[in-house]
Amino acid sequence: MLYTSGLLSFLGMFLDPHGEHFVSLLQFCDYDVVARGYGGEGLRLDRTNEHELDHVVQQAQSEARGGKPVLINCLIGKTKFREGSISV
């Protein structure tokens, strides 16, 4: 699994038997831009366009039907849902 949230940086204290991290502690990335850079279609959904969810999904389906790989970068924001828990 790949975790990108800075909130999950506490996971760095969990190491495998060889002393290596078992998760990747990546910072934020514009994955939609990366997808376009590799020839796919990258779409972004966040608080600024969340009302366009149906349109974004329809656009992704249309591109996929045309044979293009599609990635929807959905920024869900931060919550306190798992506060105090080590499950991810």
Protein backbone atom coordinates (compact mmCIF):
# COMPACT_ATOMS: atom_id res chain seq x y z
CA MET A 1 0.00 0.00 0.00
CA LEU A 2 1.04 3.56 -0.63
CA TYR A 3 0.23 6.34 1.83
CA THR A 4 0.72 9.96 0.89
CA SER A 5 -0.79 11.90 3.79
CA GLY A 6 1.54 13.81 6.05
CA LEU A 7 -0.79 12.76 8.86
CA LEU A 8 0.45 9.20 8.42
CA SER A 9 4.08 10.12 9.02
CA PHE A 10 3.82 8.53 12.45
CA LEU A 11 3.91 5.20 10.61
CA GLY A 12 7.60 5.79 10.08
CA MET A 13 8.17 4.30 13.50
CA PHE A 14 6.92 0.91 12.23
CA LEU A 15 9.72 -1.07 10.63
CA ASP A 16 9.90 -4.51 9.08
CA PRO A 17 12.31 -7.12 10.52
CA HIS A 18 15.12 -5.70 8.37
CA GLY A 19 14.71 -2.18 9.75
CA GLU A 20 12.97 -0.87 6.64
CA HIS A 21 9.72 1.12 6.56
CA PHE A 22 6.80 -0.98 5.44
CA VAL A 23 4.96 2.01 4.00
CA SER A 24 5.97 4.80 1.68
CA LEU A 25 5.73 8.22 3.29
CA LEU A 26 5.28 10.24 0.13
CA GLN A 27 4.34 13.87 0.11
CA PHE A 28 1.44 15.28 -1.94
CA CYS A 29 1.69 14.71 -5.68
CA ASP A 30 -0.38 15.90 -8.64
CA TYR A 31 -1.09 12.35 -9.81
CA ASP A 32 -3.47 13.69 -12.46
CA VAL A 33 -0.57 15.60 -14.04
CA VAL A 34 1.65 12.51 -13.83
CA ALA A 35 -1.02 10.41 -15.60
CA ARG A 36 -1.19 12.94 -18.45
CA GLY A 37 2.60 12.92 -18.65
CA TYR A 38 2.50 9.17 -19.28
CA GLY A 39 -0.08 9.53 -22.04
CA GLY A 40 -3.21 8.82 -20.03
CA GLU A 41 -5.98 11.15 -18.97
CA GLY A 42 -5.63 12.67 -15.51
CA LEU A 43 -8.65 14.22 -13.85
CA ARG A 44 -8.76 15.94 -10.49
CA LEU A 45 -11.63 16.10 -8.05
CA ASP A 46 -11.36 18.25 -4.93
CA ARG A 47 -13.32 20.78 -2.88
CA THR A 48 -13.22 23.32 -5.71
CA ASN A 49 -15.10 21.08 -8.16
CA GLU A 50 -16.78 18.43 -6.00
CA HIS A 51 -20.15 19.50 -7.40
CA GLU A 52 -18.90 18.21 -10.79
CA LEU A 53 -18.48 14.61 -9.58
CA ASP A 54 -20.91 13.18 -12.13
CA HIS A 55 -19.28 15.09 -14.98
CA VAL A 56 -15.77 14.00 -13.96
CA VAL A 57 -16.81 10.33 -13.75
CA GLN A 58 -18.60 10.56 -17.12
CA GLN A 59 -15.53 12.15 -18.69
CA ALA A 60 -13.34 9.38 -17.25
CA GLN A 61 -15.69 6.70 -18.60
CA SER A 62 -15.72 8.33 -22.03
CA GLU A 63 -11.93 8.49 -22.19
CA ALA A 64 -11.65 4.87 -21.00
CA ARG A 65 -14.12 3.69 -23.66
CA GLY A 66 -11.84 5.36 -26.20
CA GLY A 67 -8.98 3.18 -25.00
CA LYS A 68 -7.15 5.77 -22.92
CA PRO A 69 -5.97 4.92 -19.39
CA VAL A 70 -7.67 7.22 -16.87
CA LEU A 71 -6.79 8.30 -13.36
CA ILE A 72 -9.07 10.37 -11.12
CA ASN A 73 -7.02 12.13 -8.45
CA CYS A 74 -9.64 12.53 -5.73
CA LEU A 75 -8.42 14.71 -2.88
CA ILE A 76 -10.61 13.75 0.06
CA GLY A 77 -9.09 16.04 2.65
CA LYS A 78 -8.06 15.41 6.22
CA THR A 79 -10.29 14.19 9.03
CA LYS A 80 -9.84 13.00 12.59
CA PHE A 81 -11.56 9.71 11.70
CA ARG A 82 -8.59 7.53 12.67
CA GLU A 83 -7.15 9.72 15.38
CA GLY A 84 -5.61 7.56 18.08
CA SER A 85 -5.66 4.46 15.90
CA ILE A 86 -2.74 2.77 14.18
CA SER A 87 -4.97 1.11 11.57
CA VAL A 88 -4.81 2.58 8.09
